[in-house]
């Protein structure tokens, strides 16, 4: 699938340095989406790291990803806290979240564990559909219009 690039318009300010649309949750497998959500929770709950990891492990005890939490937490620590995070409430991934997925896709399948590895692809193999970025731009524009209307009514 070709990588969509943006030259100008509503999505131009959301593109990555290589002029591609950000990856969104609709572009991810279930396992990839869970890794990103795990990372966002890890950031939100920590520090200290042990408290965040204990809370996440308790919540995922019955999940197939549970045996892989140790290497996943190590990967979260390796990329560190994402100061540029797009936030918990968005379907767009930050650059650090993309780095995390890339790191995890390279390290987990090599881990010596009996459990099957989660379905994770290298970043270059994840198609960037632009669907989530377009929805994000539409929602942001809608909020701007709503704020303008609210200001106009107050006058």
N, C-alpha and C. Protein backbone atom coordinates (compact mmCIF):
# COMPACT_ATOMS: atom_id res chain seq x y z
N UNK A 1 0.85 -1.17 0.00
CA UNK A 1 0.00 0.00 0.00
C UNK A 1 0.89 1.24 0.00
N UNK A 2 0.58 2.23 -0.84
CA UNK A 2 1.42 3.41 -0.89
C UNK A 2 1.27 4.27 0.37
N UNK A 3 2.35 4.97 0.70
CA UNK A 3 2.31 5.91 1.82
C UNK A 3 1.69 7.20 1.32
N UNK A 4 0.69 7.70 2.01
CA UNK A 4 0.04 8.94 1.63
C UNK A 4 0.86 10.12 2.14
N UNK A 5 1.09 11.07 1.24
CA UNK A 5 1.81 12.26 1.65
C UNK A 5 0.87 13.45 1.55
N UNK A 6 1.21 14.49 2.29
CA UNK A 6 0.37 15.67 2.35
C UNK A 6 1.18 16.87 1.92
N UNK A 7 0.70 17.62 0.95
CA UNK A 7 1.40 18.81 0.49
C UNK A 7 0.89 20.06 1.20
N UNK A 8 -0.42 20.19 1.34
CA UNK A 8 -1.00 21.35 2.00
C UNK A 8 -2.41 21.01 2.45
N UNK A 9 -3.03 21.93 3.17
CA UNK A 9 -4.41 21.73 3.60
C UNK A 9 -4.51 21.38 5.06
N UNK A 10 -5.68 20.85 5.44
CA UNK A 10 -6.00 20.60 6.84
C UNK A 10 -5.05 19.63 7.52
N UNK A 11 -4.50 18.68 6.78
CA UNK A 11 -3.64 17.67 7.40
C UNK A 11 -2.17 18.05 7.37
N UNK A 12 -1.82 19.14 6.68
CA UNK A 12 -0.41 19.48 6.51
C UNK A 12 0.30 19.70 7.83
N UNK A 13 -0.37 20.27 8.84
CA UNK A 13 0.30 20.54 10.10
C UNK A 13 0.41 19.30 10.99
N UNK A 14 -0.16 18.18 10.58
CA UNK A 14 -0.10 16.95 11.38
C UNK A 14 0.84 15.92 10.77
N UNK A 15 1.56 16.26 9.71
CA UNK A 15 2.42 15.29 9.07
C UNK A 15 3.72 15.13 9.83
N UNK A 16 4.36 13.99 9.61
CA UNK A 16 5.65 13.72 10.24
C UNK A 16 6.75 14.40 9.43
N UNK A 17 7.99 14.39 9.94
CA UNK A 17 9.08 15.06 9.23
C UNK A 17 9.28 14.55 7.80
N UNK A 18 8.95 13.28 7.54
CA UNK A 18 9.11 12.78 6.18
C UNK A 18 7.86 13.01 5.33
N UNK A 19 6.97 13.89 5.79
CA UNK A 19 5.77 14.32 5.06
C UNK A 19 4.75 13.21 4.89
N UNK A 20 4.67 12.29 5.84
CA UNK A 20 3.64 11.26 5.79
C UNK A 20 2.61 11.51 6.88
N UNK A 21 1.43 11.01 6.64
CA UNK A 21 0.34 11.15 7.60
C UNK A 21 0.67 10.29 8.83
N UNK A 22 0.33 10.76 10.03
CA UNK A 22 0.61 9.96 11.23
C UNK A 22 -0.16 8.63 11.20
N UNK A 23 0.41 7.66 11.85
CA UNK A 23 -0.29 6.37 12.01
C UNK A 23 -1.41 6.58 13.01
N UNK A 24 -2.55 5.98 12.74
CA UNK A 24 -3.68 6.03 13.65
C UNK A 24 -4.06 4.64 14.13
N UNK A 25 -4.91 4.57 15.12
CA UNK A 25 -5.32 3.27 15.66
C UNK A 25 -6.01 2.40 14.62
N UNK A 26 -6.69 3.00 13.66
CA UNK A 26 -7.36 2.19 12.64
C UNK A 26 -6.35 1.50 11.71
N UNK A 27 -5.09 1.93 11.74
CA UNK A 27 -4.03 1.31 10.94
C UNK A 27 -3.37 0.14 11.66
N UNK A 28 -3.66 -0.02 12.95
CA UNK A 28 -2.96 -0.99 13.79
C UNK A 28 -3.72 -2.30 13.96
N UNK A 29 -2.97 -3.38 14.24
CA UNK A 29 -3.59 -4.64 14.66
C UNK A 29 -4.06 -4.46 16.11
N UNK A 30 -4.86 -5.38 16.59
CA UNK A 30 -5.31 -5.31 17.99
C UNK A 30 -4.12 -5.31 18.95
N UNK A 31 -3.13 -6.17 18.69
CA UNK A 31 -1.96 -6.24 19.57
C UNK A 31 -1.18 -4.93 19.54
N UNK A 32 -1.01 -4.34 18.37
CA UNK A 32 -0.28 -3.07 18.27
C UNK A 32 -1.02 -1.96 19.02
N UNK A 33 -2.33 -1.92 18.86
CA UNK A 33 -3.14 -0.93 19.58
C UNK A 33 -3.03 -1.11 21.08
N UNK A 34 -3.02 -2.36 21.53
CA UNK A 34 -2.90 -2.63 22.96
C UNK A 34 -1.53 -2.20 23.49
N UNK A 35 -0.49 -2.38 22.69
CA UNK A 35 0.85 -1.94 23.11
C UNK A 35 0.88 -0.42 23.29
N UNK A 36 0.26 0.31 22.36
CA UNK A 36 0.24 1.77 22.47
C UNK A 36 -0.57 2.20 23.69
N UNK A 37 -1.71 1.57 23.92
CA UNK A 37 -2.52 1.91 25.09
C UNK A 37 -1.78 1.56 26.38
N UNK A 38 -1.07 0.44 26.37
CA UNK A 38 -0.28 0.05 27.54
C UNK A 38 0.77 1.13 27.82
N UNK A 39 1.43 1.62 26.77
CA UNK A 39 2.45 2.66 26.93
C UNK A 39 1.82 3.95 27.47
N UNK A 40 0.67 4.32 26.95
CA UNK A 40 0.01 5.53 27.44
C UNK A 40 -0.37 5.40 28.90
N UNK A 41 -0.86 4.22 29.29
CA UNK A 41 -1.17 3.99 30.71
C UNK A 41 0.10 3.99 31.56
N UNK A 42 1.17 3.38 31.04
CA UNK A 42 2.45 3.34 31.74
C UNK A 42 2.93 4.77 32.03
N UNK A 43 2.79 5.67 31.05
CA UNK A 43 3.17 7.07 31.24
C UNK A 43 2.26 7.77 32.24
N UNK A 44 0.96 7.54 32.10
CA UNK A 44 -0.03 8.23 32.94
C UNK A 44 0.09 7.80 34.40
N UNK A 45 0.35 6.52 34.65
CA UNK A 45 0.39 5.98 36.01
C UNK A 45 1.73 6.18 36.71
N UNK A 46 2.81 6.36 35.96
CA UNK A 46 4.12 6.44 36.59
C UNK A 46 4.53 7.86 36.83
N UNK A 47 5.65 8.12 37.43
CA UNK A 47 6.47 7.23 38.22
C UNK A 47 5.89 7.02 39.62
N UNK A 48 6.35 6.14 40.39
CA UNK A 48 7.44 5.23 40.10
C UNK A 48 7.01 4.12 39.14
N UNK A 49 7.96 3.66 38.40
CA UNK A 49 7.72 2.67 37.36
C UNK A 49 7.06 1.40 37.92
N UNK A 50 7.48 0.94 39.08
CA UNK A 50 6.95 -0.30 39.66
C UNK A 50 5.45 -0.19 39.95
N UNK A 51 4.99 0.97 40.37
CA UNK A 51 3.56 1.15 40.67
C UNK A 51 2.75 1.05 39.38
N UNK A 52 3.20 1.74 38.34
CA UNK A 52 2.50 1.71 37.05
C UNK A 52 2.47 0.29 36.50
N UNK A 53 3.59 -0.38 36.53
CA UNK A 53 3.69 -1.73 35.97
C UNK A 53 2.84 -2.73 36.75
N UNK A 54 2.79 -2.59 38.07
CA UNK A 54 1.95 -3.47 38.88
C UNK A 54 0.47 -3.28 38.53
N UNK A 55 0.03 -2.03 38.40
CA UNK A 55 -1.37 -1.74 38.08
C UNK A 55 -1.74 -2.29 36.69
N UNK A 56 -0.85 -2.11 35.73
CA UNK A 56 -1.13 -2.60 34.37
C UNK A 56 -1.13 -4.13 34.36
N UNK A 57 -0.17 -4.75 35.03
CA UNK A 57 -0.10 -6.22 35.07
C UNK A 57 -1.35 -6.81 35.71
N UNK A 58 -1.82 -6.17 36.77
CA UNK A 58 -3.05 -6.64 37.43
C UNK A 58 -4.24 -6.55 36.48
N UNK A 59 -4.32 -5.46 35.72
CA UNK A 59 -5.44 -5.27 34.79
C UNK A 59 -5.38 -6.24 33.60
N UNK A 60 -4.18 -6.67 33.21
CA UNK A 60 -4.02 -7.53 32.03
C UNK A 60 -3.72 -8.99 32.39
N UNK A 61 -3.98 -9.36 33.62
CA UNK A 61 -3.63 -10.71 34.08
C UNK A 61 -4.22 -11.81 33.21
N UNK A 62 -5.42 -11.63 32.70
CA UNK A 62 -6.07 -12.66 31.89
C UNK A 62 -5.85 -12.46 30.39
N UNK A 63 -5.08 -11.47 30.00
CA UNK A 63 -4.86 -11.18 28.58
C UNK A 63 -3.71 -12.01 28.03
N UNK A 64 -3.77 -12.31 26.74
CA UNK A 64 -2.70 -13.09 26.10
C UNK A 64 -1.37 -12.33 26.10
N UNK A 65 -1.42 -11.03 26.27
CA UNK A 65 -0.21 -10.22 26.29
C UNK A 65 0.51 -10.29 27.64
N UNK A 66 -0.14 -10.82 28.65
CA UNK A 66 0.41 -10.84 30.01
C UNK A 66 1.83 -11.41 30.10
N UNK A 67 2.12 -12.57 29.46
CA UNK A 67 3.48 -13.11 29.58
C UNK A 67 4.55 -12.20 28.96
N UNK A 68 4.15 -11.27 28.13
CA UNK A 68 5.09 -10.40 27.43
C UNK A 68 5.25 -9.04 28.12
N UNK A 69 4.60 -8.85 29.26
CA UNK A 69 4.64 -7.53 29.90
C UNK A 69 6.05 -7.10 30.32
N UNK A 70 6.87 -8.01 30.80
CA UNK A 70 8.23 -7.65 31.20
C UNK A 70 9.00 -6.99 30.06
N UNK A 71 9.10 -7.65 28.89
CA UNK A 71 9.80 -7.02 27.77
C UNK A 71 9.10 -5.75 27.27
N UNK A 72 7.77 -5.71 27.38
CA UNK A 72 7.05 -4.50 26.96
C UNK A 72 7.36 -3.33 27.89
N UNK A 73 7.40 -3.58 29.18
CA UNK A 73 7.75 -2.52 30.13
C UNK A 73 9.20 -2.05 29.90
N UNK A 74 10.08 -2.98 29.58
CA UNK A 74 11.47 -2.60 29.28
C UNK A 74 11.53 -1.70 28.05
N UNK A 75 10.70 -2.01 27.05
CA UNK A 75 10.66 -1.19 25.83
C UNK A 75 10.10 0.20 26.15
N UNK A 76 9.07 0.26 27.01
CA UNK A 76 8.52 1.56 27.43
C UNK A 76 9.60 2.39 28.10
N UNK A 77 10.38 1.76 28.97
CA UNK A 77 11.45 2.47 29.67
C UNK A 77 12.54 2.90 28.68
N UNK A 78 12.78 2.08 27.67
CA UNK A 78 13.83 2.40 26.69
C UNK A 78 13.47 3.65 25.88
N UNK A 79 12.20 3.81 25.51
CA UNK A 79 11.82 5.01 24.74
C UNK A 79 11.55 6.18 25.67
N UNK A 80 11.27 5.90 26.94
CA UNK A 80 11.08 6.96 27.93
C UNK A 80 9.73 7.63 27.84
N UNK A 81 9.60 8.70 28.59
CA UNK A 81 8.35 9.46 28.64
C UNK A 81 8.26 10.31 27.39
N UNK A 82 7.08 10.35 26.81
CA UNK A 82 6.84 11.08 25.57
C UNK A 82 6.34 12.48 25.87
N UNK A 83 7.24 13.44 25.82
CA UNK A 83 6.86 14.84 26.10
C UNK A 83 6.00 15.42 24.98
N UNK A 84 6.06 14.84 23.79
CA UNK A 84 5.28 15.35 22.66
C UNK A 84 4.03 14.53 22.41
N UNK A 85 3.63 13.75 23.38
CA UNK A 85 2.49 12.85 23.20
C UNK A 85 1.27 13.58 22.66
N UNK A 86 0.59 12.92 21.71
CA UNK A 86 -0.64 13.47 21.17
C UNK A 86 -1.78 13.28 22.15
N UNK A 87 -1.54 12.52 23.18
CA UNK A 87 -2.52 12.42 24.26
C UNK A 87 -3.33 11.14 24.24
N UNK A 88 -3.85 10.85 25.39
CA UNK A 88 -4.63 9.65 25.61
C UNK A 88 -5.92 9.64 24.80
N UNK A 89 -6.48 10.80 24.54
CA UNK A 89 -7.78 10.86 23.89
C UNK A 89 -7.74 10.93 22.39
N UNK A 90 -6.59 10.75 21.78
CA UNK A 90 -6.50 10.84 20.33
C UNK A 90 -6.19 9.48 19.72
N UNK A 91 -6.61 9.32 18.49
CA UNK A 91 -6.34 8.07 17.78
C UNK A 91 -5.06 8.16 16.97
N UNK A 92 -4.33 9.28 17.07
CA UNK A 92 -3.08 9.45 16.34
C UNK A 92 -1.90 9.10 17.23
N UNK A 93 -0.92 8.42 16.67
CA UNK A 93 0.28 8.05 17.42
C UNK A 93 1.33 9.15 17.33
N UNK A 94 2.04 9.35 18.41
CA UNK A 94 3.17 10.28 18.41
C UNK A 94 4.38 9.58 17.80
N UNK A 95 5.41 10.34 17.54
CA UNK A 95 6.65 9.76 17.03
C UNK A 95 7.27 8.77 17.99
N UNK A 96 7.19 9.06 19.29
CA UNK A 96 7.75 8.15 20.31
C UNK A 96 6.95 6.85 20.35
N UNK A 97 5.63 6.95 20.19
CA UNK A 97 4.81 5.73 20.17
C UNK A 97 5.14 4.88 18.94
N UNK A 98 5.43 5.54 17.83
CA UNK A 98 5.86 4.79 16.64
C UNK A 98 7.21 4.12 16.90
N UNK A 99 8.13 4.82 17.57
CA UNK A 99 9.43 4.23 17.92
C UNK A 99 9.23 3.01 18.82
N UNK A 100 8.31 3.13 19.77
CA UNK A 100 8.02 2.02 20.68
C UNK A 100 7.55 0.79 19.90
N UNK A 101 6.59 0.99 19.00
CA UNK A 101 6.10 -0.14 18.21
C UNK A 101 7.22 -0.76 17.39
N UNK A 102 8.08 0.06 16.82
CA UNK A 102 9.19 -0.45 16.03
C UNK A 102 10.14 -1.26 16.90
N UNK A 103 10.47 -0.74 18.07
CA UNK A 103 11.36 -1.44 19.00
C UNK A 103 10.76 -2.77 19.44
N UNK A 104 9.49 -2.74 19.80
CA UNK A 104 8.82 -3.95 20.28
C UNK A 104 8.71 -4.99 19.16
N UNK A 105 8.45 -4.53 17.93
CA UNK A 105 8.35 -5.48 16.81
C UNK A 105 9.68 -6.18 16.55
N UNK A 106 10.78 -5.54 16.90
CA UNK A 106 12.10 -6.13 16.69
C UNK A 106 12.53 -7.01 17.85
N UNK A 107 12.09 -6.70 19.07
CA UNK A 107 12.60 -7.42 20.24
C UNK A 107 11.71 -8.56 20.72
N UNK A 108 10.40 -8.40 20.66
CA UNK A 108 9.53 -9.45 21.22
C UNK A 108 9.64 -10.78 20.50
N UNK A 109 9.60 -10.82 19.17
CA UNK A 109 9.67 -12.13 18.53
C UNK A 109 10.95 -12.90 18.84
N UNK A 110 12.00 -12.20 19.28
CA UNK A 110 13.26 -12.86 19.61
C UNK A 110 13.33 -13.29 21.07
N UNK A 111 12.35 -12.91 21.85
CA UNK A 111 12.36 -13.27 23.27
C UNK A 111 12.17 -14.78 23.43
N UNK A 112 12.96 -15.40 24.30
CA UNK A 112 12.85 -16.85 24.49
C UNK A 112 11.68 -17.20 25.40
N UNK A 113 10.48 -17.14 24.88
CA UNK A 113 9.29 -17.44 25.67
C UNK A 113 8.47 -18.51 24.95
N UNK A 114 7.77 -19.35 25.69
CA UNK A 114 6.95 -20.39 25.06
C UNK A 114 5.66 -19.83 24.45
N UNK A 115 5.21 -18.67 24.92
CA UNK A 115 3.96 -18.11 24.42
C UNK A 115 4.16 -17.50 23.04
N UNK A 116 3.14 -17.58 22.18
CA UNK A 116 3.28 -16.96 20.86
C UNK A 116 3.41 -15.44 21.01
N UNK A 117 4.28 -14.86 20.20
CA UNK A 117 4.50 -13.42 20.26
C UNK A 117 3.28 -12.69 19.71
N UNK A 118 3.02 -11.50 20.23
CA UNK A 118 1.92 -10.69 19.68
C UNK A 118 2.18 -10.32 18.22
N UNK A 119 1.11 -10.04 17.50
CA UNK A 119 1.22 -9.67 16.08
C UNK A 119 1.63 -8.21 15.97
N UNK A 120 2.93 -7.99 15.80
CA UNK A 120 3.47 -6.63 15.72
C UNK A 120 4.30 -6.50 14.45
N UNK A 121 4.08 -5.40 13.74
CA UNK A 121 4.81 -5.14 12.49
C UNK A 121 5.80 -4.00 12.69
N UNK A 122 6.89 -4.01 11.93
CA UNK A 122 7.77 -2.84 11.94
C UNK A 122 7.00 -1.63 11.40
N UNK A 123 7.35 -0.45 11.83
CA UNK A 123 6.64 0.76 11.44
C UNK A 123 6.56 0.90 9.92
N UNK A 124 7.64 0.58 9.22
CA UNK A 124 7.62 0.74 7.76
C UNK A 124 6.61 -0.18 7.08
N UNK A 125 6.14 -1.21 7.79
CA UNK A 125 5.16 -2.15 7.22
C UNK A 125 3.72 -1.79 7.56
N UNK A 126 3.52 -0.77 8.38
CA UNK A 126 2.17 -0.37 8.77
C UNK A 126 1.67 0.68 7.78
N UNK A 127 0.59 0.38 7.06
CA UNK A 127 0.07 1.38 6.11
C UNK A 127 -0.50 2.59 6.84
N UNK A 128 -0.24 3.75 6.32
CA UNK A 128 -0.74 5.00 6.90
C UNK A 128 -1.94 5.45 6.06
N UNK A 129 -3.12 5.02 6.46
CA UNK A 129 -4.32 5.29 5.67
C UNK A 129 -4.73 6.76 5.70
N UNK A 130 -4.42 7.45 6.79
CA UNK A 130 -4.83 8.84 6.93
C UNK A 130 -6.24 9.00 7.47
N UNK A 131 -6.94 7.90 7.69
CA UNK A 131 -8.33 7.94 8.17
C UNK A 131 -8.43 8.67 9.51
N UNK A 132 -7.61 8.26 10.48
CA UNK A 132 -7.68 8.88 11.81
C UNK A 132 -7.23 10.33 11.78
N UNK A 133 -6.23 10.64 10.95
CA UNK A 133 -5.76 12.02 10.84
C UNK A 133 -6.84 12.92 10.25
N UNK A 134 -7.57 12.39 9.27
CA UNK A 134 -8.66 13.16 8.67
C UNK A 134 -9.77 13.40 9.69
N UNK A 135 -10.16 12.38 10.42
CA UNK A 135 -11.18 12.54 11.46
C UNK A 135 -10.74 13.53 12.53
N UNK A 136 -9.46 13.47 12.89
CA UNK A 136 -8.92 14.40 13.88
C UNK A 136 -9.04 15.84 13.37
N UNK A 137 -8.69 16.06 12.11
CA UNK A 137 -8.77 17.41 11.52
C UNK A 137 -10.22 17.89 11.46
N UNK A 138 -11.15 17.00 11.10
CA UNK A 138 -12.56 17.37 11.04
C UNK A 138 -13.08 17.73 12.43
N UNK A 139 -12.75 16.91 13.43
CA UNK A 139 -13.20 17.20 14.80
C UNK A 139 -12.62 18.50 15.33
N UNK A 140 -11.35 18.74 15.04
CA UNK A 140 -10.72 19.97 15.48
C UNK A 140 -11.38 21.19 14.82
N UNK A 141 -11.70 21.09 13.53
CA UNK A 141 -12.38 22.18 12.84
C UNK A 141 -13.79 22.39 13.40
N UNK A 142 -14.47 21.31 13.72
CA UNK A 142 -15.82 21.41 14.30
C UNK A 142 -15.79 22.14 15.63
N UNK A 143 -14.77 21.84 16.46
CA UNK A 143 -14.65 22.51 17.75
C UNK A 143 -14.36 23.99 17.57
N UNK A 144 -13.55 24.32 16.56
CA UNK A 144 -13.27 25.74 16.31
C UNK A 144 -14.54 26.49 15.93
N UNK A 145 -15.35 25.87 15.07
CA UNK A 145 -16.62 26.49 14.66
C UNK A 145 -17.54 26.62 15.86
N UNK A 146 -17.62 25.58 16.68
CA UNK A 146 -18.49 25.62 17.86
C UNK A 146 -18.06 26.73 18.82
N UNK A 147 -16.76 26.90 19.00
CA UNK A 147 -16.27 27.97 19.88
C UNK A 147 -16.62 29.35 19.31
N UNK A 148 -16.48 29.50 18.01
CA UNK A 148 -16.83 30.78 17.39
C UNK A 148 -18.31 31.08 17.54
N UNK A 149 -19.13 30.05 17.37
CA UNK A 149 -20.58 30.24 17.52
C UNK A 149 -20.91 30.61 18.96
N UNK A 150 -20.26 29.99 19.92
CA UNK A 150 -20.50 30.28 21.33
C UNK A 150 -20.11 31.72 21.65
N UNK A 151 -19.01 32.18 21.09
CA UNK A 151 -18.57 33.57 21.30
C UNK A 151 -19.56 34.54 20.66
N UNK A 152 -20.05 34.21 19.47
CA UNK A 152 -21.00 35.07 18.77
C UNK A 152 -22.32 35.17 19.55
N UNK A 153 -22.77 34.08 20.17
CA UNK A 153 -24.01 34.08 20.94
C UNK A 153 -23.83 34.92 22.20
N UNK A 154 -22.65 34.86 22.82
CA UNK A 154 -22.39 35.63 24.05
C UNK A 154 -22.39 37.13 23.80
N UNK A 155 -22.06 37.55 22.60
CA UNK A 155 -21.97 39.00 22.29
C UNK A 155 -23.32 39.57 22.22
